[in-house]
């Protein structure tokens, strides 16, 4: 019987708007070489169109090769209420248990901390070193991109489709002009930010 592995990564941790997404990809060891042939790379090395194409390839492969994926998301409101670390811990716990339920013998998360989850392994720059973490990074980033593109339709003045919720100069300028909207993480403290007297939220 072949060993089963799980890779986990997130997207949106460093954003100031929108959700945090955490994805897991589970696959049997004997399928990994063929999975690697898809040309999967760290999501940060791919543009939007390339990521979306890879996401489809990953999902097609998993469906036809008894692999599994799972994506969790925590809204800006949940992050403000519980804190980012608690949301990360809750999401990773859920995905770790999901991996164990699906007979994974090893669960690896991209980064240098396991958020207190015993036996969850970590790998610094794992999205460039581990194929399953790289696949998870693509699924999480695509989910984040799609969310922010939809929010851009609701709040076009912030240009969410361009910066995806990260604090770029343009994003900061728009917050200064329009204030926060309902998808901004208001618990985040932005230096030198003076909000207008009228606010959308």
C-alpha atoms as a PDB file:
ATOM      1  CA  UNK A   1       0.000   0.000   0.000  1.00  0.00           C
ATOM      2  CA  UNK A   2       1.401   3.377  -1.017  1.00  0.00           C
ATOM      3  CA  UNK A   3       1.866   6.144   1.516  1.00  0.00           C
ATOM      4  CA  UNK A   4      -0.359   9.191   1.293  1.00  0.00           C
ATOM      5  CA  UNK A   5       0.905  12.733   1.783  1.00  0.00           C
ATOM      6  CA  UNK A   6      -0.701  16.125   2.331  1.00  0.00           C
ATOM      7  CA  UNK A   7       0.590  19.622   1.550  1.00  0.00           C
ATOM      8  CA  UNK A   8      -1.005  22.783   2.943  1.00  0.00           C
ATOM      9  CA  UNK A   9      -0.582  26.458   2.044  1.00  0.00           C
ATOM     10  CA  UNK A  10      -2.487  29.709   2.457  1.00  0.00           C
ATOM     11  CA  UNK A  11      -3.258  32.892   0.543  1.00  0.00           C
ATOM     12  CA  UNK A  12      -4.308  36.247   1.895  1.00  0.00           C
ATOM     13  CA  UNK A  13      -2.514  36.225   5.235  1.00  0.00           C
ATOM     14  CA  UNK A  14      -0.727  39.465   4.363  1.00  0.00           C
ATOM     15  CA  UNK A  15      -3.767  41.217   2.919  1.00  0.00           C
ATOM     16  CA  UNK A  16      -5.746  43.943   4.657  1.00  0.00           C
ATOM     17  CA  UNK A  17      -8.988  43.121   2.820  1.00  0.00           C
ATOM     18  CA  UNK A  18     -10.970  40.014   2.053  1.00  0.00           C
ATOM     19  CA  UNK A  19     -10.650  36.479   3.314  1.00  0.00           C
ATOM     20  CA  UNK A  20      -7.812  34.218   4.352  1.00  0.00           C
ATOM     21  CA  UNK A  21      -7.801  30.989   2.320  1.00  0.00           C
ATOM     22  CA  UNK A  22      -6.053  27.783   3.419  1.00  0.00           C
ATOM     23  CA  UNK A  23      -5.848  24.812   1.042  1.00  0.00           C
ATOM     24  CA  UNK A  24      -4.764  21.196   1.403  1.00  0.00           C
ATOM     25  CA  UNK A  25      -3.864  18.738  -1.348  1.00  0.00           C
ATOM     26  CA  UNK A  26      -3.708  15.010  -0.582  1.00  0.00           C
ATOM     27  CA  UNK A  27      -2.203  12.444  -2.936  1.00  0.00           C
ATOM     28  CA  UNK A  28      -0.722   8.948  -2.876  1.00  0.00           C
ATOM     29  CA  UNK A  29       3.070   8.782  -3.261  1.00  0.00           C
ATOM     30  CA  UNK A  30       2.881   6.608  -6.376  1.00  0.00           C
ATOM     31  CA  UNK A  31       0.983   9.388  -8.212  1.00  0.00           C
ATOM     32  CA  UNK A  32       3.341  12.227  -7.336  1.00  0.00           C
ATOM     33  CA  UNK A  33       5.768  11.814 -10.265  1.00  0.00           C
ATOM     34  CA  UNK A  34       2.903  12.093 -12.764  1.00  0.00           C
ATOM     35  CA  UNK A  35       1.496  14.997 -10.761  1.00  0.00           C
ATOM     36  CA  UNK A  36       4.855  16.762 -10.987  1.00  0.00           C
ATOM     37  CA  UNK A  37       4.706  16.414 -14.783  1.00  0.00           C
ATOM     38  CA  UNK A  38       1.895  18.988 -14.792  1.00  0.00           C
ATOM     39  CA  UNK A  39       4.574  21.637 -14.280  1.00  0.00           C
ATOM     40  CA  UNK A  40       3.187  22.824 -10.954  1.00  0.00           C
ATOM     41  CA  UNK A  41       5.157  25.655  -9.361  1.00  0.00           C
ATOM     42  CA  UNK A  42       4.811  28.066  -6.483  1.00  0.00           C
ATOM     43  CA  UNK A  43       1.769  30.251  -7.222  1.00  0.00           C
ATOM     44  CA  UNK A  44       3.888  33.400  -6.851  1.00  0.00           C
ATOM     45  CA  UNK A  45       5.865  32.346  -9.939  1.00  0.00           C
ATOM     46  CA  UNK A  46       2.724  32.251 -12.078  1.00  0.00           C
ATOM     47  CA  UNK A  47       0.525  35.018 -13.434  1.00  0.00           C
ATOM     48  CA  UNK A  48      -3.244  34.986 -12.990  1.00  0.00           C
ATOM     49  CA  UNK A  49      -4.031  33.119 -16.225  1.00  0.00           C
ATOM     50  CA  UNK A  50      -1.302  30.536 -15.608  1.00  0.00           C
ATOM     51  CA  UNK A  51      -2.557  29.940 -12.064  1.00  0.00           C
ATOM     52  CA  UNK A  52      -6.129  29.427 -13.208  1.00  0.00           C
ATOM     53  CA  UNK A  53      -5.000  26.954 -15.880  1.00  0.00           C
ATOM     54  CA  UNK A  54      -2.888  25.061 -13.342  1.00  0.00           C
ATOM     55  CA  UNK A  55      -5.796  25.020 -10.900  1.00  0.00           C
ATOM     56  CA  UNK A  56      -7.948  23.268 -13.513  1.00  0.00           C
ATOM     57  CA  UNK A  57      -5.153  20.794 -14.266  1.00  0.00           C
ATOM     58  CA  UNK A  58      -4.671  20.062 -10.561  1.00  0.00           C
ATOM     59  CA  UNK A  59      -8.377  19.465  -9.966  1.00  0.00           C
ATOM     60  CA  UNK A  60      -8.693  17.259 -13.060  1.00  0.00           C
ATOM     61  CA  UNK A  61      -5.697  15.191 -11.968  1.00  0.00           C
ATOM     62  CA  UNK A  62      -6.967  14.774  -8.410  1.00  0.00           C
ATOM     63  CA  UNK A  63     -10.405  13.698  -9.620  1.00  0.00           C
ATOM     64  CA  UNK A  64      -8.970  11.025 -11.913  1.00  0.00           C
ATOM     65  CA  UNK A  65      -6.257   9.794  -9.537  1.00  0.00           C
ATOM     66  CA  UNK A  66      -8.109   9.495  -6.225  1.00  0.00           C
ATOM     67  CA  UNK A  67      -6.521  12.659  -4.862  1.00  0.00           C
ATOM     68  CA  UNK A  68      -8.348  15.108  -2.640  1.00  0.00           C
ATOM     69  CA  UNK A  69      -8.278  18.828  -2.022  1.00  0.00           C
ATOM     70  CA  UNK A  70      -9.995  21.043   0.508  1.00  0.00           C
ATOM     71  CA  UNK A  71     -10.101  24.840   0.830  1.00  0.00           C
ATOM     72  CA  UNK A  72     -11.178  26.777   3.921  1.00  0.00           C
ATOM     73  CA  UNK A  73     -11.734  30.491   4.183  1.00  0.00           C
ATOM     74  CA  UNK A  74     -12.030  32.971   7.032  1.00  0.00           C
ATOM     75  CA  UNK A  75     -13.693  36.295   6.336  1.00  0.00           C
ATOM     76  CA  UNK A  76     -12.384  39.717   7.289  1.00  0.00           C
ATOM     77  CA  UNK A  77     -15.019  39.814  10.030  1.00  0.00           C
ATOM     78  CA  UNK A  78     -13.792  36.511  11.490  1.00  0.00           C
ATOM     79  CA  UNK A  79     -10.190  37.708  11.350  1.00  0.00           C
ATOM     80  CA  UNK A  80     -11.155  40.921  13.159  1.00  0.00           C
ATOM     81  CA  UNK A  81     -13.108  38.981  15.789  1.00  0.00           C
ATOM     82  CA  UNK A  82     -10.701  36.124  16.528  1.00  0.00           C
ATOM     83  CA  UNK A  83      -7.358  37.359  15.217  1.00  0.00           C
ATOM     84  CA  UNK A  84      -5.338  36.038  12.298  1.00  0.00           C
ATOM     85  CA  UNK A  85      -3.343  33.518  14.354  1.00  0.00           C
ATOM     86  CA  UNK A  86      -6.495  31.934  15.801  1.00  0.00           C
ATOM     87  CA  UNK A  87      -8.011  31.653  12.324  1.00  0.00           C
ATOM     88  CA  UNK A  88      -4.800  30.076  11.011  1.00  0.00           C
ATOM     89  CA  UNK A  89      -4.768  27.637  13.921  1.00  0.00           C
ATOM     90  CA  UNK A  90      -8.420  26.709  13.458  1.00  0.00           C
ATOM     91  CA  UNK A  91      -8.007  26.207   9.707  1.00  0.00           C
ATOM     92  CA  UNK A  92      -4.834  24.171  10.012  1.00  0.00           C
ATOM     93  CA  UNK A  93      -6.378  21.985  12.712  1.00  0.00           C
ATOM     94  CA  UNK A  94      -9.349  21.249  10.473  1.00  0.00           C
ATOM     95  CA  UNK A  95      -7.151  20.453   7.480  1.00  0.00           C
ATOM     96  CA  UNK A  96      -4.732  18.365   9.558  1.00  0.00           C
ATOM     97  CA  UNK A  97      -7.604  16.246  10.879  1.00  0.00           C
ATOM     98  CA  UNK A  98      -9.021  16.020   7.354  1.00  0.00           C
ATOM     99  CA  UNK A  99      -5.660  14.697   6.141  1.00  0.00           C
ATOM    100  CA  UNK A 100      -5.472  12.109   8.913  1.00  0.00           C
ATOM    101  CA  UNK A 101      -9.029  10.995   8.174  1.00  0.00           C
ATOM    102  CA  UNK A 102      -7.858  10.361   4.610  1.00  0.00           C
ATOM    103  CA  UNK A 103      -4.910   8.234   5.798  1.00  0.00           C
ATOM    104  CA  UNK A 104      -2.162  10.802   5.250  1.00  0.00           C
ATOM    105  CA  UNK A 105       1.038   9.687   6.941  1.00  0.00           C
ATOM    106  CA  UNK A 106       2.676  13.100   6.646  1.00  0.00           C
ATOM    107  CA  UNK A 107       1.131  16.574   6.660  1.00  0.00           C
ATOM    108  CA  UNK A 108       3.366  19.511   5.748  1.00  0.00           C
ATOM    109  CA  UNK A 109       2.561  23.218   5.945  1.00  0.00           C
ATOM    110  CA  UNK A 110       4.452  25.970   4.163  1.00  0.00           C
ATOM    111  CA  UNK A 111       6.247  28.189   6.658  1.00  0.00           C
ATOM    112  CA  UNK A 112       8.207  28.064   9.886  1.00  0.00           C
ATOM    113  CA  UNK A 113       5.461  27.591  12.485  1.00  0.00           C
ATOM    114  CA  UNK A 114       2.804  24.923  12.998  1.00  0.00           C
ATOM    115  CA  UNK A 115       0.604  27.228  15.139  1.00  0.00           C
ATOM    116  CA  UNK A 116       0.797  24.775  18.030  1.00  0.00           C
ATOM    117  CA  UNK A 117      -0.593  21.795  16.097  1.00  0.00           C
ATOM    118  CA  UNK A 118       1.312  18.726  17.215  1.00  0.00           C
ATOM    119  CA  UNK A 119       2.832  16.591  14.429  1.00  0.00           C
ATOM    120  CA  UNK A 120       2.047  19.153  11.723  1.00  0.00           C
ATOM    121  CA  UNK A 121       5.370  19.488   9.931  1.00  0.00           C
ATOM    122  CA  UNK A 122       6.584  22.779   8.486  1.00  0.00           C
ATOM    123  CA  UNK A 123       8.822  23.570   5.545  1.00  0.00           C
ATOM    124  CA  UNK A 124      10.234  27.029   4.910  1.00  0.00           C
ATOM    125  CA  UNK A 125       9.657  28.021   1.269  1.00  0.00           C
ATOM    126  CA  UNK A 126       7.734  24.789   0.953  1.00  0.00           C
ATOM    127  CA  UNK A 127       5.752  26.130  -2.005  1.00  0.00           C
ATOM    128  CA  UNK A 128       8.971  25.993  -4.049  1.00  0.00           C
ATOM    129  CA  UNK A 129      10.243  22.706  -2.579  1.00  0.00           C
ATOM    130  CA  UNK A 130       7.211  20.424  -2.215  1.00  0.00           C
ATOM    131  CA  UNK A 131       4.853  19.629  -5.102  1.00  0.00           C
ATOM    132  CA  UNK A 132       1.773  19.184  -2.901  1.00  0.00           C
ATOM    133  CA  UNK A 133       2.371  22.470  -1.069  1.00  0.00           C
ATOM    134  CA  UNK A 134       2.877  24.178  -4.441  1.00  0.00           C
ATOM    135  CA  UNK A 135      -0.449  22.765  -5.638  1.00  0.00           C
ATOM    136  CA  UNK A 136      -2.146  23.930  -2.439  1.00  0.00           C
ATOM    137  CA  UNK A 137      -0.638  27.392  -2.927  1.00  0.00           C
ATOM    138  CA  UNK A 138      -2.197  27.580  -6.391  1.00  0.00           C
ATOM    139  CA  UNK A 139      -5.641  26.495  -5.175  1.00  0.00           C
ATOM    140  CA  UNK A 140      -5.568  28.972  -2.289  1.00  0.00           C
ATOM    141  CA  UNK A 141      -4.312  31.855  -4.430  1.00  0.00           C
ATOM    142  CA  UNK A 142      -6.896  31.215  -7.162  1.00  0.00           C
ATOM    143  CA  UNK A 143      -9.652  31.248  -4.550  1.00  0.00           C
ATOM    144  CA  UNK A 144      -8.319  34.537  -3.187  1.00  0.00           C
ATOM    145  CA  UNK A 145      -8.002  36.071  -6.659  1.00  0.00           C
ATOM    146  CA  UNK A 146     -11.540  35.095  -7.610  1.00  0.00           C
ATOM    147  CA  UNK A 147     -12.915  36.517  -4.369  1.00  0.00           C
ATOM    148  CA  UNK A 148     -11.212  39.859  -4.861  1.00  0.00           C
ATOM    149  CA  UNK A 149     -12.315  40.099  -8.497  1.00  0.00           C
ATOM    150  CA  UNK A 150     -15.912  39.656  -7.328  1.00  0.00           C
ATOM    151  CA  UNK A 151     -15.448  42.261  -4.592  1.00  0.00           C
ATOM    152  CA  UNK A 152     -14.033  44.643  -7.190  1.00  0.00           C
ATOM    153  CA  UNK A 153     -17.458  44.624  -8.846  1.00  0.00           C
ATOM    154  CA  UNK A 154     -19.080  45.678  -5.566  1.00  0.00           C
ATOM    155  CA  UNK A 155     -16.421  48.209  -4.572  1.00  0.00           C
ATOM    156  CA  UNK A 156     -14.740  49.347  -7.822  1.00  0.00           C
ATOM    157  CA  UNK A 157     -13.261  52.445  -6.203  1.00  0.00           C
ATOM    158  CA  UNK A 158     -10.684  50.326  -4.346  1.00  0.00           C
ATOM    159  CA  UNK A 159      -9.368  48.460  -7.447  1.00  0.00           C
ATOM    160  CA  UNK A 160      -9.392  45.114  -5.621  1.00  0.00           C
ATOM    161  CA  UNK A 161      -8.930  43.221  -8.892  1.00  0.00           C
ATOM    162  CA  UNK A 162      -5.475  44.768  -9.284  1.00  0.00           C
ATOM    163  CA  UNK A 163      -3.928  44.489  -5.814  1.00  0.00           C
ATOM    164  CA  UNK A 164      -6.084  41.614  -4.459  1.00  0.00           C
ATOM    165  CA  UNK A 165      -6.374  43.208  -1.038  1.00  0.00           C
ATOM    166  CA  UNK A 166      -2.687  43.812  -0.341  1.00  0.00           C
ATOM    167  CA  UNK A 167      -1.638  47.229   0.949  1.00  0.00           C
ATOM    168  CA  UNK A 168      -0.229  48.776  -2.208  1.00  0.00           C
ATOM    169  CA  UNK A 169       0.232  52.518  -2.556  1.00  0.00           C
ATOM    170  CA  UNK A 170      -2.950  52.747  -4.639  1.00  0.00           C
ATOM    171  CA  UNK A 171      -4.938  50.710  -2.107  1.00  0.00           C
ATOM    172  CA  UNK A 172      -3.762  52.919   0.768  1.00  0.00           C
ATOM    173  CA  UNK A 173      -4.608  56.020  -1.242  1.00  0.00           C
ATOM    174  CA  UNK A 174      -8.147  54.724  -1.892  1.00  0.00           C
ATOM    175  CA  UNK A 175      -8.672  53.924   1.800  1.00  0.00           C
ATOM    176  CA  UNK A 176      -7.577  57.459   2.686  1.00  0.00           C
ATOM    177  CA  UNK A 177     -10.084  58.818   0.175  1.00  0.00           C
ATOM    178  CA  UNK A 178     -13.067  56.499   0.747  1.00  0.00           C
ATOM    179  CA  UNK A 179     -12.464  54.958   4.164  1.00  0.00           C
ATOM    180  CA  UNK A 180     -12.888  51.271   4.921  1.00  0.00           C
ATOM    181  CA  UNK A 181     -15.574  49.144   3.313  1.00  0.00           C
ATOM    182  CA  UNK A 182     -17.129  46.041   4.851  1.00  0.00           C
ATOM    183  CA  UNK A 183     -14.433  43.649   3.610  1.00  0.00           C
ATOM    184  CA  UNK A 184     -11.471  45.518   5.107  1.00  0.00           C
ATOM    185  CA  UNK A 185      -9.789  44.015   8.166  1.00  0.00           C
ATOM    186  CA  UNK A 186     -10.339  46.850  10.585  1.00  0.00           C
ATOM    187  CA  UNK A 187      -8.254  45.306  13.351  1.00  0.00           C
ATOM    188  CA  UNK A 188      -5.151  45.856  11.220  1.00  0.00           C
ATOM    189  CA  UNK A 189      -3.347  49.049  12.111  1.00  0.00           C
ATOM    190  CA  UNK A 190      -1.985  50.891   9.094  1.00  0.00           C
ATOM    191  CA  UNK A 191       0.685  53.494   9.760  1.00  0.00           C
ATOM    192  CA  UNK A 192       0.059  57.089   8.707  1.00  0.00           C
ATOM    193  CA  UNK A 193      -3.526  56.416   7.685  1.00  0.00           C
ATOM    194  CA  UNK A 194      -6.056  59.185   8.186  1.00  0.00           C
ATOM    195  CA  UNK A 195      -9.573  58.050   7.373  1.00  0.00           C
ATOM    196  CA  UNK A 196     -12.162  60.439   5.943  1.00  0.00           C
ATOM    197  CA  UNK A 197     -14.974  61.574   8.236  1.00  0.00           C
ATOM    198  CA  UNK A 198     -17.510  59.666   6.120  1.00  0.00           C
ATOM    199  CA  UNK A 199     -16.983  55.911   5.850  1.00  0.00           C
ATOM    200  CA  UNK A 200     -18.592  53.240   3.699  1.00  0.00           C
ATOM    201  CA  UNK A 201     -18.748  50.807   6.606  1.00  0.00           C
END
